[in-house]
Amino acid sequence: MTADRSLLSDKELHYLKDFMSWELLAMKKCADLANRCQDPEIQSLMRETGKKHLSHYQQLLGHLH
C-alpha cells in the first residue's frame, strides 16, 4: 500500500493490467462469436455483452488517469 492513496502500488497496477486484459479478451470473444453466429438474437446478445466488457475496460482505464 502506498502512503499517497492517489498513487497505485505495483501490485494494484498489476491487478488492473490483468483485469483490463481479461475484459479485452472477453470483448474479442463476444465479437467473434457474434460474427460467427447465425441466430440474430444470439448475435445481438453477444454484441451487447461485448459492449459491457468494453465499458468495464474503459472504467478500469479511467482509474489510471
N, C-alpha and C. Protein backbone atom coordinates (compact mmCIF):
# COMPACT_ATOMS: atom_id res chain seq x y z
N MET A 1 0.85 -1.17 0.00
CA MET A 1 0.00 0.00 0.00
C MET A 1 0.90 1.24 0.00
N THR A 2 0.52 2.21 -0.77
CA THR A 2 1.30 3.44 -0.83
C THR A 2 0.77 4.44 0.20
N ALA A 3 1.63 5.36 0.63
CA ALA A 3 1.21 6.38 1.59
C ALA A 3 0.22 7.35 0.95
N ASP A 4 0.44 7.67 -0.30
CA ASP A 4 -0.44 8.58 -1.04
C ASP A 4 -1.48 7.75 -1.79
N ARG A 5 -2.74 7.81 -1.37
CA ARG A 5 -3.77 6.97 -1.98
C ARG A 5 -4.11 7.38 -3.40
N SER A 6 -3.57 8.50 -3.89
CA SER A 6 -3.79 8.85 -5.29
C SER A 6 -2.86 8.05 -6.20
N LEU A 7 -1.87 7.38 -5.58
CA LEU A 7 -0.94 6.54 -6.34
C LEU A 7 -1.29 5.08 -6.13
N LEU A 8 -1.10 4.28 -7.15
CA LEU A 8 -1.36 2.85 -7.05
C LEU A 8 -0.04 2.11 -6.83
N SER A 9 -0.10 1.08 -6.03
CA SER A 9 1.09 0.26 -5.81
C SER A 9 1.36 -0.57 -7.06
N ASP A 10 2.55 -1.15 -7.12
CA ASP A 10 2.87 -2.02 -8.24
C ASP A 10 1.90 -3.19 -8.33
N LYS A 11 1.54 -3.73 -7.18
CA LYS A 11 0.60 -4.86 -7.15
C LYS A 11 -0.77 -4.44 -7.69
N GLU A 12 -1.25 -3.27 -7.28
CA GLU A 12 -2.53 -2.77 -7.77
C GLU A 12 -2.50 -2.52 -9.28
N LEU A 13 -1.39 -1.97 -9.76
CA LEU A 13 -1.25 -1.76 -11.21
C LEU A 13 -1.25 -3.09 -11.95
N HIS A 14 -0.61 -4.10 -11.38
CA HIS A 14 -0.59 -5.43 -12.00
C HIS A 14 -2.01 -6.00 -12.05
N TYR A 15 -2.78 -5.85 -10.97
CA TYR A 15 -4.18 -6.31 -10.97
C TYR A 15 -4.99 -5.60 -12.05
N LEU A 16 -4.83 -4.27 -12.14
CA LEU A 16 -5.55 -3.52 -13.16
C LEU A 16 -5.19 -4.00 -14.56
N LYS A 17 -3.91 -4.24 -14.79
CA LYS A 17 -3.47 -4.74 -16.09
C LYS A 17 -4.13 -6.08 -16.40
N ASP A 18 -4.15 -6.97 -15.43
CA ASP A 18 -4.80 -8.28 -15.63
C ASP A 18 -6.29 -8.12 -15.91
N PHE A 19 -6.98 -7.31 -15.11
CA PHE A 19 -8.42 -7.10 -15.31
C PHE A 19 -8.69 -6.54 -16.69
N MET A 20 -7.87 -5.57 -17.10
CA MET A 20 -8.06 -4.96 -18.43
C MET A 20 -7.84 -5.99 -19.53
N SER A 21 -6.84 -6.83 -19.37
CA SER A 21 -6.58 -7.89 -20.36
C SER A 21 -7.76 -8.85 -20.44
N TRP A 22 -8.32 -9.20 -19.29
CA TRP A 22 -9.46 -10.13 -19.27
C TRP A 22 -10.68 -9.49 -19.94
N GLU A 23 -10.90 -8.22 -19.69
CA GLU A 23 -12.04 -7.54 -20.31
C GLU A 23 -11.88 -7.46 -21.82
N LEU A 24 -10.66 -7.15 -22.29
CA LEU A 24 -10.42 -7.09 -23.73
C LEU A 24 -10.62 -8.46 -24.37
N LEU A 25 -10.13 -9.49 -23.72
CA LEU A 25 -10.28 -10.85 -24.25
C LEU A 25 -11.76 -11.23 -24.32
N ALA A 26 -12.50 -10.94 -23.27
CA ALA A 26 -13.93 -11.25 -23.26
C ALA A 26 -14.65 -10.49 -24.37
N MET A 27 -14.28 -9.22 -24.56
CA MET A 27 -14.88 -8.41 -25.61
C MET A 27 -14.60 -9.02 -26.98
N LYS A 28 -13.36 -9.43 -27.22
CA LYS A 28 -12.99 -10.03 -28.50
C LYS A 28 -13.71 -11.36 -28.73
N LYS A 29 -13.85 -12.15 -27.68
CA LYS A 29 -14.54 -13.43 -27.81
C LYS A 29 -16.03 -13.22 -28.13
N CYS A 30 -16.62 -12.23 -27.50
CA CYS A 30 -18.04 -11.92 -27.79
C CYS A 30 -18.20 -11.47 -29.24
N ALA A 31 -17.29 -10.61 -29.71
CA ALA A 31 -17.36 -10.14 -31.10
C ALA A 31 -17.18 -11.29 -32.08
N ASP A 32 -16.24 -12.18 -31.79
CA ASP A 32 -16.00 -13.33 -32.67
C ASP A 32 -17.23 -14.23 -32.72
N LEU A 33 -17.80 -14.50 -31.56
CA LEU A 33 -18.99 -15.36 -31.52
C LEU A 33 -20.16 -14.69 -32.26
N ALA A 34 -20.33 -13.39 -32.06
CA ALA A 34 -21.42 -12.67 -32.75
C ALA A 34 -21.23 -12.76 -34.27
N ASN A 35 -20.00 -12.64 -34.73
CA ASN A 35 -19.72 -12.70 -36.18
C ASN A 35 -19.94 -14.09 -36.77
N ARG A 36 -19.73 -15.12 -35.96
CA ARG A 36 -19.87 -16.49 -36.47
C ARG A 36 -21.26 -17.07 -36.26
N CYS A 37 -22.06 -16.40 -35.44
CA CYS A 37 -23.38 -16.93 -35.08
C CYS A 37 -24.41 -16.62 -36.18
N GLN A 38 -25.30 -17.57 -36.41
CA GLN A 38 -26.36 -17.41 -37.40
C GLN A 38 -27.64 -16.81 -36.80
N ASP A 39 -27.84 -17.02 -35.52
CA ASP A 39 -29.07 -16.59 -34.85
C ASP A 39 -28.98 -15.10 -34.50
N PRO A 40 -29.86 -14.26 -35.06
CA PRO A 40 -29.80 -12.82 -34.82
C PRO A 40 -29.96 -12.44 -33.33
N GLU A 41 -30.75 -13.20 -32.62
CA GLU A 41 -30.96 -12.90 -31.19
C GLU A 41 -29.67 -13.13 -30.40
N ILE A 42 -28.99 -14.23 -30.70
CA ILE A 42 -27.72 -14.51 -30.02
C ILE A 42 -26.65 -13.52 -30.46
N GLN A 43 -26.64 -13.16 -31.74
CA GLN A 43 -25.70 -12.15 -32.23
C GLN A 43 -25.86 -10.85 -31.44
N SER A 44 -27.08 -10.41 -31.29
CA SER A 44 -27.37 -9.18 -30.57
C SER A 44 -26.93 -9.28 -29.11
N LEU A 45 -27.22 -10.40 -28.50
CA LEU A 45 -26.83 -10.63 -27.11
C LEU A 45 -25.31 -10.58 -26.95
N MET A 46 -24.60 -11.21 -27.87
CA MET A 46 -23.14 -11.22 -27.80
C MET A 46 -22.57 -9.82 -28.03
N ARG A 47 -23.17 -9.06 -28.93
CA ARG A 47 -22.69 -7.69 -29.17
C ARG A 47 -22.92 -6.81 -27.94
N GLU A 48 -24.07 -6.96 -27.31
CA GLU A 48 -24.37 -6.19 -26.09
C GLU A 48 -23.42 -6.59 -24.96
N THR A 49 -23.16 -7.87 -24.84
CA THR A 49 -22.23 -8.33 -23.81
C THR A 49 -20.83 -7.80 -24.08
N GLY A 50 -20.42 -7.79 -25.34
CA GLY A 50 -19.12 -7.24 -25.71
C GLY A 50 -19.03 -5.76 -25.36
N LYS A 51 -20.13 -5.02 -25.56
CA LYS A 51 -20.15 -3.59 -25.21
C LYS A 51 -19.98 -3.39 -23.70
N LYS A 52 -20.56 -4.29 -22.92
CA LYS A 52 -20.40 -4.21 -21.47
C LYS A 52 -18.95 -4.42 -21.07
N HIS A 53 -18.29 -5.38 -21.72
CA HIS A 53 -16.88 -5.62 -21.42
C HIS A 53 -16.03 -4.42 -21.83
N LEU A 54 -16.36 -3.78 -22.94
CA LEU A 54 -15.65 -2.57 -23.36
C LEU A 54 -15.85 -1.46 -22.33
N SER A 55 -17.06 -1.33 -21.83
CA SER A 55 -17.35 -0.33 -20.80
C SER A 55 -16.53 -0.60 -19.54
N HIS A 56 -16.46 -1.86 -19.14
CA HIS A 56 -15.65 -2.22 -17.97
C HIS A 56 -14.18 -1.85 -18.20
N TYR A 57 -13.68 -2.15 -19.40
CA TYR A 57 -12.30 -1.82 -19.76
C TYR A 57 -12.06 -0.31 -19.64
N GLN A 58 -13.00 0.47 -20.16
CA GLN A 58 -12.85 1.92 -20.12
C GLN A 58 -12.91 2.46 -18.69
N GLN A 59 -13.73 1.85 -17.86
CA GLN A 59 -13.79 2.25 -16.45
C GLN A 59 -12.46 1.97 -15.76
N LEU A 60 -11.88 0.80 -16.04
CA LEU A 60 -10.59 0.48 -15.45
C LEU A 60 -9.51 1.44 -15.95
N LEU A 61 -9.56 1.76 -17.20
CA LEU A 61 -8.60 2.70 -17.79
C LEU A 61 -8.72 4.06 -17.10
N GLY A 62 -9.93 4.43 -16.76
CA GLY A 62 -10.16 5.70 -16.06
C GLY A 62 -9.45 5.78 -14.72
N HIS A 63 -9.24 4.63 -14.08
CA HIS A 63 -8.53 4.63 -12.81
C HIS A 63 -7.04 4.93 -12.97
N LEU A 64 -6.56 4.87 -14.17
CA LEU A 64 -5.14 5.12 -14.40
C LEU A 64 -4.86 6.58 -14.71
N HIS A 65 -5.89 7.38 -14.88
CA HIS A 65 -5.69 8.82 -15.18
C HIS A 65 -5.68 9.65 -13.94
